[in-house]
Amino acid sequence: MKGFEAVVYEQALLKAENAALRAENQQQKQKRARYKGFIQQGGSLTIQQGQEAVQKRVVKEQFSKNIENIDPTILGEQPNGPQKKALSRCSKCGSFVHNARTCNL
C-alpha cells in the first residue's frame, strides 16, 4: 500500500507543479505580446508629432492587412492553396462534354 500512496502523492505534486508552470507560461506569453514600442528615444515630443507617429503606425497596420488580401496571381506569385483541376476534355475531338471513351468519332 505504501508504494501506491507514494505514486499518488508524487502524481499530485506533479499536477500542482504543472499547473504552476502553465500559469507562469501564460503570464510570460502575455508579457511578450504587449506592445513595447517607443515613440521617441530622447527629447520632448509635440502633440502633432505624436499624432503623426500614431497615424503612421495605423497606416502601416492597415497596409499589412490589405496586402494579405491581394490575389497572389496578380503579384506573379503562386497561390498557397491547392490548384484547381483543369476541365477534362475529349482527346479525339476536344469537346468538354465527353471523353475519348464515349466519343462518337
C-alpha atoms as a PDB file:
ATOM      1  CA  MET A   1       0.000   0.000   0.000  1.00  0.00           C
ATOM      2  CA  LYS A   2       2.938   2.349   0.645  1.00  0.00           C
ATOM      3  CA  GLY A   3       4.092   2.226  -2.980  1.00  0.00           C
ATOM      4  CA  PHE A   4       0.646   3.172  -4.218  1.00  0.00           C
ATOM      5  CA  GLU A   5       0.432   6.089  -1.768  1.00  0.00           C
ATOM      6  CA  ALA A   6       3.865   7.316  -2.874  1.00  0.00           C
ATOM      7  CA  VAL A   7       2.831   7.216  -6.532  1.00  0.00           C
ATOM      8  CA  VAL A   8      -0.422   9.079  -5.822  1.00  0.00           C
ATOM      9  CA  TYR A   9       1.437  11.693  -3.766  1.00  0.00           C
ATOM     10  CA  GLU A  10       4.076  12.139  -6.493  1.00  0.00           C
ATOM     11  CA  GLN A  11       1.360  12.481  -9.124  1.00  0.00           C
ATOM     12  CA  ALA A  12      -0.394  15.157  -7.066  1.00  0.00           C
ATOM     13  CA  LEU A  13       2.885  17.076  -6.728  1.00  0.00           C
ATOM     14  CA  LEU A  14       3.500  16.836 -10.475  1.00  0.00           C
ATOM     15  CA  LYS A  15      -0.018  18.109 -11.234  1.00  0.00           C
ATOM     16  CA  ALA A  16       0.454  21.085  -8.925  1.00  0.00           C
ATOM     17  CA  GLU A  17       3.864  21.871 -10.424  1.00  0.00           C
ATOM     18  CA  ASN A  18       2.458  21.548 -13.951  1.00  0.00           C
ATOM     19  CA  ALA A  19      -0.402  23.941 -13.143  1.00  0.00           C
ATOM     20  CA  ALA A  20       2.052  26.475 -11.692  1.00  0.00           C
ATOM     21  CA  LEU A  21       4.294  26.229 -14.755  1.00  0.00           C
ATOM     22  CA  ARG A  22       1.331  26.659 -17.114  1.00  0.00           C
ATOM     23  CA  ALA A  23       0.218  29.783 -15.243  1.00  0.00           C
ATOM     24  CA  GLU A  24       3.740  31.229 -15.379  1.00  0.00           C
ATOM     25  CA  ASN A  25       3.998  30.373 -19.077  1.00  0.00           C
ATOM     26  CA  GLN A  26       0.703  32.152 -19.771  1.00  0.00           C
ATOM     27  CA  GLN A  27       1.951  35.253 -17.954  1.00  0.00           C
ATOM     28  CA  GLN A  28       5.166  35.206 -19.990  1.00  0.00           C
ATOM     29  CA  LYS A  29       3.171  34.925 -23.244  1.00  0.00           C
ATOM     30  CA  GLN A  30       1.023  37.910 -22.290  1.00  0.00           C
ATOM     31  CA  LYS A  31       4.101  39.900 -21.326  1.00  0.00           C
ATOM     32  CA  ARG A  32       5.768  39.197 -24.687  1.00  0.00           C
ATOM     33  CA  ALA A  33       2.569  40.085 -26.555  1.00  0.00           C
ATOM     34  CA  ARG A  34       2.360  43.583 -25.073  1.00  0.00           C
ATOM     35  CA  TYR A  35       3.383  46.412 -27.374  1.00  0.00           C
ATOM     36  CA  LYS A  36       6.700  47.840 -26.199  1.00  0.00           C
ATOM     37  CA  GLY A  37       7.376  50.415 -28.894  1.00  0.00           C
ATOM     38  CA  PHE A  38       8.798  53.817 -28.125  1.00  0.00           C
ATOM     39  CA  ILE A  39       7.590  56.883 -29.959  1.00  0.00           C
ATOM     40  CA  GLN A  40      10.816  58.806 -29.483  1.00  0.00           C
ATOM     41  CA  GLN A  41      14.203  57.986 -27.963  1.00  0.00           C
ATOM     42  CA  GLY A  42      15.053  61.311 -26.404  1.00  0.00           C
ATOM     43  CA  GLY A  43      13.868  64.878 -26.006  1.00  0.00           C
ATOM     44  CA  SER A  44      10.344  66.175 -25.915  1.00  0.00           C
ATOM     45  CA  LEU A  45       7.572  65.353 -28.331  1.00  0.00           C
ATOM     46  CA  THR A  46       4.897  67.741 -29.528  1.00  0.00           C
ATOM     47  CA  ILE A  47       1.268  66.691 -29.773  1.00  0.00           C
ATOM     48  CA  GLN A  48       1.383  66.939 -33.550  1.00  0.00           C
ATOM     49  CA  GLN A  49       4.480  64.709 -33.756  1.00  0.00           C
ATOM     50  CA  GLY A  50       2.797  62.130 -31.514  1.00  0.00           C
ATOM     51  CA  GLN A  51      -0.362  62.140 -33.609  1.00  0.00           C
ATOM     52  CA  GLU A  52       1.693  61.721 -36.789  1.00  0.00           C
ATOM     53  CA  ALA A  53       3.568  58.767 -35.286  1.00  0.00           C
ATOM     54  CA  VAL A  54       0.317  57.088 -34.269  1.00  0.00           C
ATOM     55  CA  GLN A  55      -1.185  57.747 -37.710  1.00  0.00           C
ATOM     56  CA  LYS A  56       1.858  56.212 -39.431  1.00  0.00           C
ATOM     57  CA  ARG A  57       1.561  53.095 -37.284  1.00  0.00           C
ATOM     58  CA  VAL A  58      -2.167  52.765 -38.090  1.00  0.00           C
ATOM     59  CA  VAL A  59      -1.486  53.137 -41.823  1.00  0.00           C
ATOM     60  CA  LYS A  60       1.281  50.531 -41.613  1.00  0.00           C
ATOM     61  CA  GLU A  61      -1.050  48.046 -39.880  1.00  0.00           C
ATOM     62  CA  GLN A  62      -3.803  48.636 -42.451  1.00  0.00           C
ATOM     63  CA  PHE A  63      -1.351  48.196 -45.318  1.00  0.00           C
ATOM     64  CA  SER A  64      -0.063  44.909 -43.916  1.00  0.00           C
ATOM     65  CA  LYS A  65      -3.657  43.653 -43.528  1.00  0.00           C
ATOM     66  CA  ASN A  66      -4.582  44.724 -47.081  1.00  0.00           C
ATOM     67  CA  ILE A  67      -1.507  43.134 -48.661  1.00  0.00           C
ATOM     68  CA  GLU A  68      -2.629  39.749 -47.307  1.00  0.00           C
ATOM     69  CA  ASN A  69      -5.967  40.048 -49.139  1.00  0.00           C
ATOM     70  CA  ILE A  70      -4.441  40.698 -52.586  1.00  0.00           C
ATOM     71  CA  ASP A  71      -4.698  37.842 -55.084  1.00  0.00           C
ATOM     72  CA  PRO A  72      -1.192  36.304 -55.339  1.00  0.00           C
ATOM     73  CA  THR A  73      -1.581  35.705 -59.082  1.00  0.00           C
ATOM     74  CA  ILE A  74      -1.747  39.480 -59.625  1.00  0.00           C
ATOM     75  CA  LEU A  75       1.657  39.826 -57.994  1.00  0.00           C
ATOM     76  CA  GLY A  76       3.063  36.983 -60.114  1.00  0.00           C
ATOM     77  CA  GLU A  77       3.230  34.563 -57.186  1.00  0.00           C
ATOM     78  CA  GLN A  78       1.839  31.072 -56.908  1.00  0.00           C
ATOM     79  CA  PRO A  79      -1.284  30.723 -54.738  1.00  0.00           C
ATOM     80  CA  ASN A  80      -0.764  28.937 -51.420  1.00  0.00           C
ATOM     81  CA  GLY A  81      -3.776  26.648 -51.639  1.00  0.00           C
ATOM     82  CA  PRO A  82      -4.323  23.631 -53.879  1.00  0.00           C
ATOM     83  CA  GLN A  83      -4.680  24.388 -57.562  1.00  0.00           C
ATOM     84  CA  LYS A  84      -7.969  23.783 -59.347  1.00  0.00           C
ATOM     85  CA  LYS A  85      -8.064  20.829 -61.716  1.00  0.00           C
ATOM     86  CA  ALA A  86      -8.492  21.677 -65.384  1.00  0.00           C
ATOM     87  CA  LEU A  87     -11.689  20.534 -67.069  1.00  0.00           C
ATOM     88  CA  SER A  88     -11.343  17.159 -68.743  1.00  0.00           C
ATOM     89  CA  ARG A  89     -11.844  17.070 -72.484  1.00  0.00           C
ATOM     90  CA  CYS A  90     -12.025  14.508 -75.225  1.00  0.00           C
ATOM     91  CA  SER A  91      -8.584  13.790 -76.688  1.00  0.00           C
ATOM     92  CA  LYS A  92     -10.109  12.899 -80.076  1.00  0.00           C
ATOM     93  CA  CYS A  93     -12.335  15.906 -80.778  1.00  0.00           C
ATOM     94  CA  GLY A  94     -11.511  18.358 -77.957  1.00  0.00           C
ATOM     95  CA  SER A  95     -15.050  18.571 -76.572  1.00  0.00           C
ATOM     96  CA  PHE A  96     -15.603  19.277 -72.861  1.00  0.00           C
ATOM     97  CA  VAL A  97     -18.924  17.371 -72.911  1.00  0.00           C
ATOM     98  CA  HIS A  98     -17.475  13.845 -73.129  1.00  0.00           C
ATOM     99  CA  ASN A  99     -14.153  11.969 -73.051  1.00  0.00           C
ATOM    100  CA  ALA A 100     -12.340   9.736 -75.566  1.00  0.00           C
ATOM    101  CA  ARG A 101     -14.084   6.546 -74.364  1.00  0.00           C
ATOM    102  CA  THR A 102     -17.539   7.920 -75.160  1.00  0.00           C
ATOM    103  CA  CYS A 103     -16.607   9.893 -78.282  1.00  0.00           C
ATOM    104  CA  ASN A 104     -18.734   9.149 -81.385  1.00  0.00           C
ATOM    105  CA  LEU A 105     -15.977   9.874 -83.917  1.00  0.00           C
END
